[in-house]
N, C-alpha and C. Protein backbone atom coordinates (compact mmCIF):
# COMPACT_ATOMS: atom_id res chain seq x y z
N MET A 1 -6.44 -1.51 5.46
CA MET A 1 -6.97 -2.62 6.33
C MET A 1 -5.71 -2.85 6.99
N ILE A 2 -5.72 -3.37 8.46
CA ILE A 2 -4.61 -3.63 9.19
C ILE A 2 -5.24 -5.30 9.27
N GLU A 3 -4.33 -6.28 9.44
CA GLU A 3 -4.50 -7.28 9.66
C GLU A 3 -3.09 -8.47 10.19
N ALA A 4 -3.41 -9.42 10.82
CA ALA A 4 -2.23 -10.38 10.84
C ALA A 4 -1.47 -10.61 9.80
N ALA A 5 -0.22 -10.80 9.99
CA ALA A 5 0.85 -11.24 8.86
C ALA A 5 0.62 -12.48 8.84
N THR A 6 1.05 -13.58 7.43
CA THR A 6 1.06 -14.72 7.34
C THR A 6 2.51 -14.84 6.90
N ALA A 7 2.97 -16.32 7.35
CA ALA A 7 4.39 -16.71 6.80
C ALA A 7 4.70 -16.33 5.72
N ASP A 8 3.74 -16.15 4.86
CA ASP A 8 4.13 -15.71 3.33
C ASP A 8 4.44 -14.18 3.25
N ASP A 9 4.18 -13.35 3.94
CA ASP A 9 4.39 -12.06 4.21
C ASP A 9 5.96 -12.07 4.60
N CYS A 10 6.46 -12.87 5.12
CA CYS A 10 7.87 -12.70 5.64
C CYS A 10 8.87 -12.11 4.91
N GLU A 11 9.33 -12.17 3.76
CA GLU A 11 10.35 -11.51 2.91
C GLU A 11 10.03 -10.06 2.71
N ALA A 12 8.64 -9.74 2.56
CA ALA A 12 8.15 -8.67 2.18
C ALA A 12 8.54 -7.57 3.34
N VAL A 13 7.59 -8.43 4.40
CA VAL A 13 7.94 -7.62 5.77
C VAL A 13 9.46 -7.50 5.97
N VAL A 14 10.29 -8.19 6.36
CA VAL A 14 11.77 -7.97 6.32
C VAL A 14 12.38 -7.26 5.55
N ALA A 15 12.12 -6.90 4.24
CA ALA A 15 12.51 -5.84 3.29
C ALA A 15 11.96 -4.61 3.65
N LEU A 16 10.98 -4.47 4.14
CA LEU A 16 10.36 -3.16 4.72
C LEU A 16 11.21 -2.65 5.94
N TRP A 17 11.32 -3.56 6.76
CA TRP A 17 12.00 -3.44 7.76
C TRP A 17 13.72 -2.80 7.83
N GLU A 18 14.18 -3.53 6.64
CA GLU A 18 15.79 -3.26 6.26
C GLU A 18 15.57 -2.05 5.75
N ALA A 19 14.74 -1.54 4.71
CA ALA A 19 14.33 -0.18 4.05
C ALA A 19 14.48 0.91 5.04
N CYS A 20 13.58 0.48 6.30
CA CYS A 20 13.30 1.48 7.09
C CYS A 20 14.39 1.72 7.91
N GLY A 21 15.75 0.72 8.08
CA GLY A 21 16.83 0.70 9.10
C GLY A 21 16.65 0.41 10.30
N LEU A 22 15.27 -0.62 10.19
CA LEU A 22 15.42 -1.04 11.59
C LEU A 22 15.98 -2.36 11.99
N THR A 23 16.57 -2.94 11.24
CA THR A 23 17.44 -4.16 11.43
C THR A 23 18.80 -3.93 11.82
N ARG A 24 19.57 -5.26 12.26
CA ARG A 24 20.98 -4.88 12.77
C ARG A 24 21.81 -6.16 12.28
N PRO A 25 22.89 -6.17 12.36
CA PRO A 25 23.74 -7.40 11.77
C PRO A 25 23.55 -8.48 12.70
N TRP A 26 23.23 -8.26 14.18
CA TRP A 26 23.36 -9.14 15.17
C TRP A 26 22.04 -9.81 15.48
N ASN A 27 20.98 -9.54 14.73
CA ASN A 27 19.58 -10.05 14.98
C ASN A 27 19.03 -10.24 13.43
N ASP A 28 18.68 -11.33 13.52
CA ASP A 28 17.99 -11.92 12.33
C ASP A 28 16.75 -11.66 12.15
N PRO A 29 16.34 -10.71 11.53
CA PRO A 29 14.60 -10.20 11.43
C PRO A 29 13.95 -11.43 11.02
N ARG A 30 14.39 -12.61 9.94
CA ARG A 30 13.59 -13.50 9.53
C ARG A 30 13.08 -14.46 10.80
N ALA A 31 14.02 -14.57 11.74
CA ALA A 31 13.80 -15.36 13.06
C ALA A 31 12.82 -14.72 13.86
N ASP A 32 13.11 -13.39 13.98
CA ASP A 32 12.36 -12.52 14.80
C ASP A 32 10.80 -12.47 14.31
N PHE A 33 10.60 -12.49 13.01
CA PHE A 33 9.31 -12.43 12.44
C PHE A 33 8.72 -14.11 12.52
N ALA A 34 9.50 -15.05 12.31
CA ALA A 34 8.86 -16.41 12.50
C ALA A 34 8.73 -16.52 14.41
N LEU A 35 9.50 -16.18 15.17
CA LEU A 35 9.19 -16.34 16.50
C LEU A 35 7.81 -15.59 16.86
N ALA A 36 7.43 -14.33 16.55
CA ALA A 36 6.24 -13.62 16.30
C ALA A 36 5.19 -14.34 15.89
N LEU A 37 5.33 -15.03 14.82
CA LEU A 37 3.99 -15.84 14.05
C LEU A 37 3.84 -17.04 14.82
N GLY A 38 4.85 -17.59 15.65
CA GLY A 38 4.91 -18.87 16.04
C GLY A 38 4.18 -18.99 17.55
N GLY A 39 3.82 -17.84 18.10
CA GLY A 39 2.86 -18.14 19.42
C GLY A 39 1.73 -17.04 19.61
N PRO A 40 1.15 -17.57 20.82
CA PRO A 40 -0.13 -16.61 20.89
C PRO A 40 0.22 -15.55 21.51
N ALA A 41 1.26 -15.43 22.11
CA ALA A 41 1.90 -13.86 22.96
C ALA A 41 2.59 -12.89 21.86
N SER A 42 2.69 -13.22 20.64
CA SER A 42 3.08 -12.04 19.82
C SER A 42 2.37 -12.49 18.42
N ALA A 43 2.49 -11.05 17.63
CA ALA A 43 2.20 -11.07 16.16
C ALA A 43 2.90 -10.06 15.26
N VAL A 44 2.64 -10.13 14.28
CA VAL A 44 3.32 -9.13 13.20
C VAL A 44 1.76 -8.82 12.56
N LEU A 45 1.59 -7.58 12.69
CA LEU A 45 0.32 -6.84 12.01
C LEU A 45 0.87 -6.19 10.67
N VAL A 46 0.28 -6.04 9.45
CA VAL A 46 0.32 -5.53 8.46
C VAL A 46 -0.63 -4.68 8.11
N ALA A 47 -0.31 -3.82 6.82
CA ALA A 47 -1.32 -2.81 6.41
C ALA A 47 -1.04 -3.28 4.99
N ARG A 48 -1.79 -3.25 4.04
CA ARG A 48 -1.48 -3.21 2.43
C ARG A 48 -1.97 -1.96 1.65
N GLY A 49 -1.35 -1.42 0.80
CA GLY A 49 -1.71 -0.71 0.10
C GLY A 49 -2.62 -0.89 -1.50
N GLU A 50 -2.35 -0.20 -2.44
CA GLU A 50 -2.79 -0.68 -3.51
C GLU A 50 -2.13 -1.83 -4.27
N GLY A 51 -3.12 -2.84 -4.63
CA GLY A 51 -2.90 -3.82 -5.38
C GLY A 51 -2.20 -4.88 -4.21
N GLY A 52 -2.66 -4.77 -3.01
CA GLY A 52 -2.08 -5.70 -1.88
C GLY A 52 -0.73 -5.56 -1.55
N ALA A 53 0.23 -4.60 -1.95
CA ALA A 53 1.56 -4.33 -1.79
C ALA A 53 1.76 -4.19 -0.22
N LEU A 54 2.96 -4.30 0.43
CA LEU A 54 2.93 -4.19 1.76
C LEU A 54 3.25 -2.47 2.09
N ALA A 55 2.45 -1.88 2.78
CA ALA A 55 2.60 -0.21 3.09
C ALA A 55 3.20 -0.13 4.58
N GLY A 56 2.99 -1.26 5.38
CA GLY A 56 3.47 -1.21 6.74
C GLY A 56 3.31 -1.98 7.59
N SER A 57 3.99 -2.28 8.74
CA SER A 57 4.03 -3.49 9.50
C SER A 57 4.21 -2.77 10.94
N VAL A 58 3.94 -3.78 12.18
CA VAL A 58 4.30 -3.66 13.28
C VAL A 58 4.40 -4.97 14.10
N MET A 59 5.49 -5.06 14.87
CA MET A 59 5.61 -6.55 15.86
C MET A 59 5.11 -6.03 16.95
N THR A 60 4.20 -6.89 17.70
CA THR A 60 3.85 -6.78 19.17
C THR A 60 3.89 -7.98 19.98
N GLY A 61 3.81 -7.93 21.32
CA GLY A 61 3.85 -8.96 21.89
C GLY A 61 3.62 -8.73 23.11
N PHE A 62 3.01 -9.75 23.98
CA PHE A 62 2.81 -9.51 25.54
C PHE A 62 3.28 -10.57 26.22
N ASP A 63 4.51 -10.14 27.40
CA ASP A 63 5.56 -10.86 28.12
C ASP A 63 4.55 -11.37 29.42
N GLY A 64 3.34 -10.92 29.49
CA GLY A 64 2.31 -11.42 31.00
C GLY A 64 2.76 -10.30 32.00
N HIS A 65 3.41 -9.24 31.76
CA HIS A 65 3.74 -8.10 32.42
C HIS A 65 3.43 -6.91 31.78
N ARG A 66 4.19 -6.68 30.60
CA ARG A 66 3.95 -5.68 29.57
C ARG A 66 3.62 -5.99 28.32
N GLY A 67 2.99 -4.83 27.48
CA GLY A 67 3.11 -4.88 26.11
C GLY A 67 4.19 -4.39 25.46
N TRP A 68 4.85 -5.00 24.21
CA TRP A 68 6.17 -4.49 23.65
C TRP A 68 5.57 -3.99 22.49
N VAL A 69 6.18 -2.95 21.67
CA VAL A 69 5.95 -2.92 20.45
C VAL A 69 7.37 -2.73 19.70
N TYR A 70 7.70 -3.36 18.24
CA TYR A 70 8.85 -3.73 17.83
C TYR A 70 8.68 -3.38 16.42
N TYR A 71 9.79 -2.82 15.45
CA TYR A 71 9.55 -3.08 14.02
C TYR A 71 8.39 -2.04 13.53
N LEU A 72 8.21 -1.18 13.96
CA LEU A 72 6.92 -0.31 13.35
C LEU A 72 7.47 0.44 12.05
N ALA A 73 7.25 -0.11 10.97
CA ALA A 73 7.65 0.47 9.84
C ALA A 73 6.44 0.79 9.05
N VAL A 74 6.87 1.96 8.02
CA VAL A 74 5.87 2.47 6.99
C VAL A 74 6.83 2.54 5.58
N ALA A 75 6.29 2.14 4.97
CA ALA A 75 7.04 2.40 3.59
C ALA A 75 7.26 3.90 2.97
N ASP A 76 8.21 4.37 2.40
CA ASP A 76 8.22 5.58 2.05
C ASP A 76 7.25 6.19 1.22
N ALA A 77 6.34 5.64 0.47
CA ALA A 77 5.53 5.91 -0.34
C ALA A 77 4.28 6.04 0.17
N ALA A 78 4.22 5.46 1.52
CA ALA A 78 2.79 5.15 2.59
C ALA A 78 2.79 6.56 3.52
N ARG A 79 4.10 7.11 3.71
CA ARG A 79 4.06 7.95 5.11
C ARG A 79 3.40 9.16 4.69
N ARG A 80 3.04 9.78 5.86
CA ARG A 80 2.53 11.10 6.23
C ARG A 80 0.80 11.03 6.04
N ARG A 81 0.71 9.66 5.79
CA ARG A 81 -0.81 9.64 5.85
C ARG A 81 -1.71 8.94 6.80
N GLY A 82 -1.19 8.78 8.22
CA GLY A 82 -1.48 8.46 9.27
C GLY A 82 -1.55 6.71 9.47
N LEU A 83 -0.70 6.28 8.70
CA LEU A 83 -0.65 4.89 8.59
C LEU A 83 -0.05 4.16 9.90
N GLY A 84 1.43 4.98 10.34
CA GLY A 84 2.23 4.69 11.42
C GLY A 84 1.07 4.95 12.42
N ARG A 85 0.43 6.03 12.91
CA ARG A 85 -0.36 6.00 13.91
C ARG A 85 -1.36 4.97 13.88
N ALA A 86 -1.94 4.48 12.78
CA ALA A 86 -3.00 3.54 12.53
C ALA A 86 -2.36 1.99 13.15
N LEU A 87 -1.29 1.78 12.63
CA LEU A 87 -0.49 0.66 13.06
C LEU A 87 -0.33 0.65 14.48
N MET A 88 0.20 2.07 15.03
CA MET A 88 0.20 1.77 16.87
C MET A 88 -1.28 1.40 17.30
N ALA A 89 -1.86 2.16 16.72
CA ALA A 89 -3.58 1.88 17.27
C ALA A 89 -3.85 0.24 17.44
N ALA A 90 -3.45 -0.30 16.26
CA ALA A 90 -3.90 -1.75 15.72
C ALA A 90 -3.21 -2.42 17.07
N ALA A 91 -1.77 -2.23 17.19
CA ALA A 91 -0.95 -2.87 18.23
C ALA A 91 -1.60 -2.51 19.49
N GLU A 92 -1.79 -1.70 20.00
CA GLU A 92 -2.35 -1.23 21.20
C GLU A 92 -3.58 -2.17 21.43
N ALA A 93 -4.59 -1.79 20.67
CA ALA A 93 -5.91 -3.01 20.46
C ALA A 93 -5.41 -4.35 20.89
N TRP A 94 -4.24 -4.86 19.96
CA TRP A 94 -4.17 -6.47 20.20
C TRP A 94 -3.61 -6.50 21.58
N LEU A 95 -2.83 -5.70 22.21
CA LEU A 95 -2.52 -5.93 23.44
C LEU A 95 -3.39 -5.77 24.56
N ARG A 96 -4.42 -4.65 24.69
CA ARG A 96 -5.70 -4.52 25.47
C ARG A 96 -6.33 -5.90 25.42
N GLU A 97 -6.44 -6.55 23.92
CA GLU A 97 -7.33 -7.69 24.16
C GLU A 97 -6.88 -8.84 24.98
N ARG A 98 -5.06 -8.79 25.18
CA ARG A 98 -4.60 -9.84 25.93
C ARG A 98 -4.59 -9.50 27.28
N GLY A 99 -5.06 -8.31 27.41
CA GLY A 99 -4.97 -7.87 29.09
C GLY A 99 -3.76 -7.20 29.29
N ALA A 100 -2.85 -6.64 28.34
CA ALA A 100 -1.46 -5.96 28.69
C ALA A 100 -2.00 -4.43 29.48
N PRO A 101 -1.23 -4.50 30.60
CA PRO A 101 -1.44 -3.25 31.28
C PRO A 101 -0.87 -1.88 30.79
N LYS A 102 0.25 -2.25 30.45
CA LYS A 102 1.17 -1.18 29.82
C LYS A 102 1.93 -1.42 28.76
N LEU A 103 1.98 -0.65 27.80
CA LEU A 103 2.95 -0.55 26.29
C LEU A 103 4.35 -0.01 26.79
N GLN A 104 5.22 -0.55 25.98
CA GLN A 104 6.27 -0.06 26.18
C GLN A 104 7.08 -0.56 24.71
N LEU A 105 7.96 0.49 24.56
CA LEU A 105 8.85 0.27 23.24
C LEU A 105 10.12 0.60 23.30
N MET A 106 11.43 0.45 22.59
CA MET A 106 12.70 1.15 22.62
C MET A 106 12.81 1.68 21.39
N VAL A 107 13.48 2.86 21.63
CA VAL A 107 13.90 3.62 20.11
C VAL A 107 15.65 4.15 20.74
N ARG A 108 16.20 3.65 19.25
CA ARG A 108 17.64 4.21 19.43
C ARG A 108 17.78 5.78 20.03
N GLU A 109 18.56 6.21 20.88
CA GLU A 109 18.49 7.50 21.63
C GLU A 109 19.00 8.52 20.39
N ASP A 110 19.46 8.12 19.30
CA ASP A 110 19.60 9.17 18.51
C ASP A 110 18.71 9.30 17.34
N ASN A 111 17.68 8.58 17.20
CA ASN A 111 16.48 8.45 16.11
C ASN A 111 15.45 9.61 16.48
N GLU A 112 15.77 10.86 16.52
CA GLU A 112 14.68 11.88 16.82
C GLU A 112 13.53 11.84 16.14
N ALA A 113 13.67 11.66 14.92
CA ALA A 113 12.15 11.54 14.02
C ALA A 113 11.46 10.43 14.95
N ALA A 114 11.74 9.29 15.43
CA ALA A 114 10.86 8.25 15.79
C ALA A 114 10.53 8.74 17.41
N LEU A 115 11.79 9.32 17.91
CA LEU A 115 11.20 9.66 19.49
C LEU A 115 10.12 10.88 19.18
N GLY A 116 10.14 11.79 18.43
CA GLY A 116 8.86 12.74 18.04
C GLY A 116 7.85 12.29 17.65
N PHE A 117 7.75 11.22 17.01
CA PHE A 117 6.89 10.29 16.50
C PHE A 117 5.70 9.87 17.56
N TYR A 118 6.84 9.22 18.25
CA TYR A 118 6.03 8.46 19.50
C TYR A 118 5.46 9.19 20.57
N GLU A 119 6.20 10.42 20.83
CA GLU A 119 5.82 11.60 21.38
C GLU A 119 4.68 12.14 21.39
N ALA A 120 4.52 12.26 19.73
CA ALA A 120 3.11 12.98 19.35
C ALA A 120 2.16 11.99 19.82
N LEU A 121 2.21 10.92 20.14
CA LEU A 121 1.19 9.86 19.88
C LEU A 121 0.95 9.56 21.67
N GLY A 122 1.60 10.39 22.24
CA GLY A 122 1.33 10.44 23.84
C GLY A 122 2.41 9.59 24.61
N LEU A 123 3.15 8.78 23.89
CA LEU A 123 3.92 7.85 24.88
C LEU A 123 4.99 8.94 25.48
N GLU A 124 5.49 8.68 26.79
CA GLU A 124 6.56 9.16 27.48
C GLU A 124 7.79 8.40 27.58
N ARG A 125 8.80 9.33 27.87
CA ARG A 125 10.16 8.62 28.00
C ARG A 125 9.95 8.46 29.38
N GLN A 126 10.77 7.08 29.71
CA GLN A 126 10.49 6.59 31.09
C GLN A 126 11.81 6.57 31.69
N LYS A 127 11.87 6.45 33.07
CA LYS A 127 13.26 6.64 33.78
C LYS A 127 13.43 5.41 33.85
N VAL A 128 13.85 4.63 32.91
CA VAL A 128 14.46 3.45 33.19
C VAL A 128 15.58 3.12 32.19
N VAL A 129 16.65 2.49 32.44
CA VAL A 129 17.70 2.10 31.67
C VAL A 129 17.88 0.55 31.09
N THR A 130 18.06 0.56 29.97
CA THR A 130 17.82 -0.93 29.33
C THR A 130 19.02 -1.41 29.62
N LEU A 131 19.11 -2.51 30.01
CA LEU A 131 20.42 -3.30 29.97
C LEU A 131 20.61 -4.58 29.45
N GLY A 132 21.50 -4.93 28.90
CA GLY A 132 21.37 -6.28 27.97
C GLY A 132 22.63 -6.92 27.89
N ARG A 133 22.42 -8.08 27.18
CA ARG A 133 23.68 -9.04 26.91
C ARG A 133 23.30 -9.78 25.61
N PHE A 134 23.92 -10.18 24.77
CA PHE A 134 23.80 -10.92 23.46
C PHE A 134 24.20 -12.52 23.82
N LEU A 135 23.33 -13.01 23.55
CA LEU A 135 23.57 -14.63 24.08
C LEU A 135 23.91 -15.46 22.88
N ALA A 136 23.52 -14.94 21.60
CA ALA A 136 24.28 -15.72 20.07
C ALA A 136 25.43 -15.82 20.25
N LYS A 137 25.85 -17.09 19.78
CA LYS A 137 27.24 -16.98 19.93
C LYS A 137 27.67 -15.95 18.76
N ASP A 138 27.13 -15.76 17.34
CA ASP A 138 27.76 -14.72 16.59
C ASP A 138 27.40 -13.43 16.88
N ALA A 139 26.80 -13.04 17.76
CA ALA A 139 26.58 -11.65 18.01
C ALA A 139 28.05 -10.88 18.38
N PRO A 140 27.99 -9.52 18.18
CA PRO A 140 29.08 -8.64 18.33
C PRO A 140 29.62 -8.47 19.72
């Protein structure tokens, strides 16, 4: 069952993101989690396995123009069972409920496994270049 995360899920979710290699030193995953739970335009969805242990998660948000997906993660023991696909479907449903006309996500260009996963779900590479700048004082 996939449901909205609560503040009590923070440490388990962040540990999963770290185990899956999704975090970076310049991003505070606990702050990302708290911000996602703090407003109506974003959420963290979680899937639980046996005994209620966290098996997967996905962060999603709607900026008023596009829906975004971040931090899709599935625990090693729960992989290859369709959970990643189910989490993406839940994120898409969450975005549709809020009227998002399009879904986007970012994947590091060298992450071939993730690119293959998303392409198998029907997502297409876009002809867009992502530009950015760090705003935090302690960013690299």
